[in-house]
């Protein structure tokens, strides 16, 4: 599947999942500018044991906002929290898994790079994904997490500009996770 199609499918899936769990009152992500051009999706608790629970999702889409960004806060428990915490501390494992997903016969034709973010108290990483041929611009992401007992809270930012993604992830982590 071409990179642009994959990115579009992932975005559509994320929005569909978020909309399917709509409540009545959106909770904006702390650390992003309030109001226009930012929007928040209303989320209610997903009823699942040992699964991720969305807390907040805000986005700023072009052309009103440049670069485009999506910012989410989720809580994880159980095995999902353990796996995610391990990936926050060793993102190279995530890159290896994306390059060689189980059951895939053909090699992935996407350039994937990850970097541990060690400049703060929280474990985190930055990731960028781009077509191997360089024909389209990359997508950037960053994540930070904080463990409190059984709960792992994670801030995830995805966008079109690496600097904006990293700055937003740090800003939101400071507000949402107390780093």
C-alpha atoms as a PDB file:
ATOM      1  CA  UNK A   1       0.000   0.000   0.000  1.00  0.00           C
ATOM      2  CA  UNK A   2       1.535   3.379  -0.951  1.00  0.00           C
ATOM      3  CA  UNK A   3       2.597   5.623   1.913  1.00  0.00           C
ATOM      4  CA  UNK A   4       0.000   8.334   1.248  1.00  0.00           C
ATOM      5  CA  UNK A   5      -2.797   5.745   1.172  1.00  0.00           C
ATOM      6  CA  UNK A   6      -1.535   4.186   4.405  1.00  0.00           C
ATOM      7  CA  UNK A   7      -1.349   7.570   6.118  1.00  0.00           C
ATOM      8  CA  UNK A   8      -4.849   8.476   4.902  1.00  0.00           C
ATOM      9  CA  UNK A   9      -6.258   5.128   6.054  1.00  0.00           C
ATOM     10  CA  UNK A  10      -4.712   5.551   9.506  1.00  0.00           C
ATOM     11  CA  UNK A  11      -6.116   9.066   9.835  1.00  0.00           C
ATOM     12  CA  UNK A  12      -9.579   7.942   8.731  1.00  0.00           C
ATOM     13  CA  UNK A  13      -9.429   5.006  11.154  1.00  0.00           C
ATOM     14  CA  UNK A  14      -8.404   7.264  14.052  1.00  0.00           C
ATOM     15  CA  UNK A  15     -11.200   9.735  13.329  1.00  0.00           C
ATOM     16  CA  UNK A  16     -13.761   6.944  12.857  1.00  0.00           C
ATOM     17  CA  UNK A  17     -12.792   5.303  16.135  1.00  0.00           C
ATOM     18  CA  UNK A  18     -12.958   8.639  17.907  1.00  0.00           C
ATOM     19  CA  UNK A  19     -16.343   9.511  16.420  1.00  0.00           C
ATOM     20  CA  UNK A  20     -17.765   6.095  17.217  1.00  0.00           C
ATOM     21  CA  UNK A  21     -17.080   6.788  20.874  1.00  0.00           C
ATOM     22  CA  UNK A  22     -18.605  10.257  20.955  1.00  0.00           C
ATOM     23  CA  UNK A  23     -20.078  11.696  24.098  1.00  0.00           C
ATOM     24  CA  UNK A  24     -21.622  15.102  24.490  1.00  0.00           C
ATOM     25  CA  UNK A  25     -18.908  17.373  25.870  1.00  0.00           C
ATOM     26  CA  UNK A  26     -15.470  17.511  24.259  1.00  0.00           C
ATOM     27  CA  UNK A  27     -12.447  17.862  26.502  1.00  0.00           C
ATOM     28  CA  UNK A  28      -9.701  19.790  24.739  1.00  0.00           C
ATOM     29  CA  UNK A  29      -6.119  18.728  25.252  1.00  0.00           C
ATOM     30  CA  UNK A  30      -4.333  20.961  27.762  1.00  0.00           C
ATOM     31  CA  UNK A  31      -1.316  22.679  26.247  1.00  0.00           C
ATOM     32  CA  UNK A  32      -2.777  23.461  22.813  1.00  0.00           C
ATOM     33  CA  UNK A  33      -4.246  26.883  22.026  1.00  0.00           C
ATOM     34  CA  UNK A  34      -7.914  27.179  23.009  1.00  0.00           C
ATOM     35  CA  UNK A  35     -10.569  27.787  20.366  1.00  0.00           C
ATOM     36  CA  UNK A  36     -10.310  28.251  16.627  1.00  0.00           C
ATOM     37  CA  UNK A  37      -8.556  26.868  14.611  1.00  0.00           C
ATOM     38  CA  UNK A  38      -8.256  24.014  17.140  1.00  0.00           C
ATOM     39  CA  UNK A  39     -11.163  21.611  17.633  1.00  0.00           C
ATOM     40  CA  UNK A  40     -11.736  18.852  20.164  1.00  0.00           C
ATOM     41  CA  UNK A  41     -13.681  15.662  19.610  1.00  0.00           C
ATOM     42  CA  UNK A  42     -16.126  14.605  22.316  1.00  0.00           C
ATOM     43  CA  UNK A  43     -15.034  11.306  23.840  1.00  0.00           C
ATOM     44  CA  UNK A  44     -16.626   9.117  26.453  1.00  0.00           C
ATOM     45  CA  UNK A  45     -15.029   6.172  28.174  1.00  0.00           C
ATOM     46  CA  UNK A  46     -14.629   3.081  26.065  1.00  0.00           C
ATOM     47  CA  UNK A  47     -15.845   0.098  27.990  1.00  0.00           C
ATOM     48  CA  UNK A  48     -12.952  -2.296  27.737  1.00  0.00           C
ATOM     49  CA  UNK A  49     -10.919  -4.114  30.287  1.00  0.00           C
ATOM     50  CA  UNK A  50      -7.154  -4.007  29.969  1.00  0.00           C
ATOM     51  CA  UNK A  51      -7.411  -1.579  27.015  1.00  0.00           C
ATOM     52  CA  UNK A  52      -6.654   2.007  26.083  1.00  0.00           C
ATOM     53  CA  UNK A  53      -9.069   4.699  27.226  1.00  0.00           C
ATOM     54  CA  UNK A  54      -9.184   7.955  25.249  1.00  0.00           C
ATOM     55  CA  UNK A  55      -9.045  11.012  27.493  1.00  0.00           C
ATOM     56  CA  UNK A  56      -8.874  13.884  25.007  1.00  0.00           C
ATOM     57  CA  UNK A  57      -8.302  14.466  21.302  1.00  0.00           C
ATOM     58  CA  UNK A  58      -7.696  17.850  19.703  1.00  0.00           C
ATOM     59  CA  UNK A  59      -6.706  18.673  16.158  1.00  0.00           C
ATOM     60  CA  UNK A  60      -5.839  21.621  13.972  1.00  0.00           C
ATOM     61  CA  UNK A  61      -6.265  20.965  10.254  1.00  0.00           C
ATOM     62  CA  UNK A  62      -5.019  22.912   7.235  1.00  0.00           C
ATOM     63  CA  UNK A  63      -5.728  25.319   5.666  1.00  0.00           C
ATOM     64  CA  UNK A  64      -6.872  27.092   8.860  1.00  0.00           C
ATOM     65  CA  UNK A  65      -3.894  25.739  10.723  1.00  0.00           C
ATOM     66  CA  UNK A  66      -0.457  25.102   9.375  1.00  0.00           C
ATOM     67  CA  UNK A  67       1.113  22.719   9.958  1.00  0.00           C
ATOM     68  CA  UNK A  68      -1.682  20.256  10.640  1.00  0.00           C
ATOM     69  CA  UNK A  69      -1.507  18.544  14.044  1.00  0.00           C
ATOM     70  CA  UNK A  70      -3.485  15.908  15.943  1.00  0.00           C
ATOM     71  CA  UNK A  71      -2.921  15.589  19.698  1.00  0.00           C
ATOM     72  CA  UNK A  72      -4.310  12.892  21.949  1.00  0.00           C
ATOM     73  CA  UNK A  73      -4.114  11.799  25.545  1.00  0.00           C
ATOM     74  CA  UNK A  74      -4.864   8.181  26.408  1.00  0.00           C
ATOM     75  CA  UNK A  75      -4.702   6.008  29.516  1.00  0.00           C
ATOM     76  CA  UNK A  76      -3.575   2.414  29.409  1.00  0.00           C
ATOM     77  CA  UNK A  77      -3.590  -0.371  31.940  1.00  0.00           C
ATOM     78  CA  UNK A  78      -2.531  -3.991  32.064  1.00  0.00           C
ATOM     79  CA  UNK A  79      -0.561  -5.532  29.219  1.00  0.00           C
ATOM     80  CA  UNK A  80      -1.204  -2.557  26.896  1.00  0.00           C
ATOM     81  CA  UNK A  81       0.435  -0.265  29.451  1.00  0.00           C
ATOM     82  CA  UNK A  82       3.417  -2.606  29.842  1.00  0.00           C
ATOM     83  CA  UNK A  83       4.011  -2.902  26.091  1.00  0.00           C
ATOM     84  CA  UNK A  84       3.567   0.832  25.505  1.00  0.00           C
ATOM     85  CA  UNK A  85       5.874   1.759  28.380  1.00  0.00           C
ATOM     86  CA  UNK A  86       8.564  -0.553  26.960  1.00  0.00           C
ATOM     87  CA  UNK A  87       8.203   1.123  23.539  1.00  0.00           C
ATOM     88  CA  UNK A  88       8.445   4.592  25.083  1.00  0.00           C
ATOM     89  CA  UNK A  89      11.762   3.569  26.635  1.00  0.00           C
ATOM     90  CA  UNK A  90      13.056   1.582  23.616  1.00  0.00           C
ATOM     91  CA  UNK A  91      11.434   2.967  20.449  1.00  0.00           C
ATOM     92  CA  UNK A  92      13.867   1.027  18.278  1.00  0.00           C
ATOM     93  CA  UNK A  93      11.627  -2.004  18.964  1.00  0.00           C
ATOM     94  CA  UNK A  94       8.689  -0.118  17.447  1.00  0.00           C
ATOM     95  CA  UNK A  95      10.713   0.731  14.333  1.00  0.00           C
ATOM     96  CA  UNK A  96      11.779  -2.914  13.907  1.00  0.00           C
ATOM     97  CA  UNK A  97       8.177  -4.053  14.265  1.00  0.00           C
ATOM     98  CA  UNK A  98       6.950  -1.525  11.697  1.00  0.00           C
ATOM     99  CA  UNK A  99       9.694  -2.489   9.237  1.00  0.00           C
ATOM    100  CA  UNK A 100       8.988  -6.220   9.527  1.00  0.00           C
ATOM    101  CA  UNK A 101       5.412  -6.772  10.688  1.00  0.00           C
ATOM    102  CA  UNK A 102       4.520 -10.364  11.518  1.00  0.00           C
ATOM    103  CA  UNK A 103       2.885 -12.252   8.670  1.00  0.00           C
ATOM    104  CA  UNK A 104       3.969  -9.799   5.970  1.00  0.00           C
ATOM    105  CA  UNK A 105       5.663 -11.412   2.967  1.00  0.00           C
ATOM    106  CA  UNK A 106       6.771  -8.211   1.199  1.00  0.00           C
ATOM    107  CA  UNK A 107       9.217  -5.766   2.797  1.00  0.00           C
ATOM    108  CA  UNK A 108       7.873  -2.420   3.989  1.00  0.00           C
ATOM    109  CA  UNK A 109       8.679   0.356   1.517  1.00  0.00           C
ATOM    110  CA  UNK A 110       8.634   3.113   4.099  1.00  0.00           C
ATOM    111  CA  UNK A 111      11.605   4.837   5.703  1.00  0.00           C
ATOM    112  CA  UNK A 112      11.110   4.709   9.464  1.00  0.00           C
ATOM    113  CA  UNK A 113      13.345   6.490  11.941  1.00  0.00           C
ATOM    114  CA  UNK A 114      12.953   6.813  15.681  1.00  0.00           C
ATOM    115  CA  UNK A 115      14.807   8.787  18.317  1.00  0.00           C
ATOM    116  CA  UNK A 116      14.598   8.528  22.076  1.00  0.00           C
ATOM    117  CA  UNK A 117      13.745  11.847  23.676  1.00  0.00           C
ATOM    118  CA  UNK A 118      15.975  12.125  26.729  1.00  0.00           C
ATOM    119  CA  UNK A 119      15.758  15.836  27.461  1.00  0.00           C
ATOM    120  CA  UNK A 120      13.114  15.578  30.176  1.00  0.00           C
ATOM    121  CA  UNK A 121      11.907  13.446  33.054  1.00  0.00           C
ATOM    122  CA  UNK A 122       9.430  11.388  31.000  1.00  0.00           C
ATOM    123  CA  UNK A 123      10.237   8.531  28.635  1.00  0.00           C
ATOM    124  CA  UNK A 124       9.374   9.345  25.049  1.00  0.00           C
ATOM    125  CA  UNK A 125      10.340   9.176  21.433  1.00  0.00           C
ATOM    126  CA  UNK A 126      10.033  10.901  18.086  1.00  0.00           C
ATOM    127  CA  UNK A 127       9.241   9.002  14.902  1.00  0.00           C
ATOM    128  CA  UNK A 128       9.089   9.895  11.251  1.00  0.00           C
ATOM    129  CA  UNK A 129       7.645   7.859   8.417  1.00  0.00           C
ATOM    130  CA  UNK A 130       8.264   8.584   4.750  1.00  0.00           C
ATOM    131  CA  UNK A 131       8.073   6.751   1.450  1.00  0.00           C
ATOM    132  CA  UNK A 132      11.380   5.055   0.700  1.00  0.00           C
ATOM    133  CA  UNK A 133      11.523   6.790  -2.683  1.00  0.00           C
ATOM    134  CA  UNK A 134      11.194  10.237  -1.072  1.00  0.00           C
ATOM    135  CA  UNK A 135       8.279  11.038  -3.375  1.00  0.00           C
ATOM    136  CA  UNK A 136       6.072  12.453  -0.628  1.00  0.00           C
ATOM    137  CA  UNK A 137       6.717  14.406   2.554  1.00  0.00           C
ATOM    138  CA  UNK A 138       7.117  12.457   5.796  1.00  0.00           C
ATOM    139  CA  UNK A 139       4.673  12.274   8.671  1.00  0.00           C
ATOM    140  CA  UNK A 140       6.070  13.020  12.123  1.00  0.00           C
ATOM    141  CA  UNK A 141       5.059  11.812  15.540  1.00  0.00           C
ATOM    142  CA  UNK A 142       6.132  12.116  19.157  1.00  0.00           C
ATOM    143  CA  UNK A 143       4.990  10.422  22.346  1.00  0.00           C
ATOM    144  CA  UNK A 144       5.616  10.826  26.071  1.00  0.00           C
ATOM    145  CA  UNK A 145       4.295   8.699  28.893  1.00  0.00           C
ATOM    146  CA  UNK A 146       3.971   8.789  32.651  1.00  0.00           C
ATOM    147  CA  UNK A 147       3.296   5.807  34.892  1.00  0.00           C
ATOM    148  CA  UNK A 148       1.202   6.285  38.043  1.00  0.00           C
ATOM    149  CA  UNK A 149       0.549   2.938  39.687  1.00  0.00           C
ATOM    150  CA  UNK A 150      -1.330   0.697  37.252  1.00  0.00           C
ATOM    151  CA  UNK A 151      -2.108   3.560  34.863  1.00  0.00           C
ATOM    152  CA  UNK A 152       0.148   4.744  32.042  1.00  0.00           C
ATOM    153  CA  UNK A 153      -0.912   8.102  30.608  1.00  0.00           C
ATOM    154  CA  UNK A 154       0.414   8.849  27.128  1.00  0.00           C
ATOM    155  CA  UNK A 155       0.513  12.010  25.039  1.00  0.00           C
ATOM    156  CA  UNK A 156       0.715  11.353  21.294  1.00  0.00           C
ATOM    157  CA  UNK A 157       1.187  14.060  18.658  1.00  0.00           C
ATOM    158  CA  UNK A 158       1.116  13.506  14.890  1.00  0.00           C
ATOM    159  CA  UNK A 159       1.713  16.170  12.277  1.00  0.00           C
ATOM    160  CA  UNK A 160       3.354  17.492   9.164  1.00  0.00           C
ATOM    161  CA  UNK A 161       6.276  19.444  10.652  1.00  0.00           C
ATOM    162  CA  UNK A 162       8.845  17.841  12.948  1.00  0.00           C
ATOM    163  CA  UNK A 163       9.572  20.980  14.996  1.00  0.00           C
ATOM    164  CA  UNK A 164       5.864  21.668  15.614  1.00  0.00           C
ATOM    165  CA  UNK A 165       5.232  18.037  16.598  1.00  0.00           C
ATOM    166  CA  UNK A 166       8.108  17.980  19.097  1.00  0.00           C
ATOM    167  CA  UNK A 167       7.275  21.388  20.592  1.00  0.00           C
ATOM    168  CA  UNK A 168       3.589  20.500  20.927  1.00  0.00           C
ATOM    169  CA  UNK A 169       4.363  17.091  22.467  1.00  0.00           C
ATOM    170  CA  UNK A 170       6.607  18.690  25.084  1.00  0.00           C
ATOM    171  CA  UNK A 171       4.095  21.438  25.845  1.00  0.00           C
ATOM    172  CA  UNK A 172       1.143  19.032  26.149  1.00  0.00           C
ATOM    173  CA  UNK A 173       3.157  16.514  28.225  1.00  0.00           C
ATOM    174  CA  UNK A 174       4.027  19.298  30.657  1.00  0.00           C
ATOM    175  CA  UNK A 175       0.346  20.255  31.056  1.00  0.00           C
ATOM    176  CA  UNK A 176      -1.303  16.830  30.838  1.00  0.00           C
ATOM    177  CA  UNK A 177       1.312  14.671  32.545  1.00  0.00           C
ATOM    178  CA  UNK A 178       2.839  17.202  34.890  1.00  0.00           C
ATOM    179  CA  UNK A 179       6.382  16.867  33.610  1.00  0.00           C
END
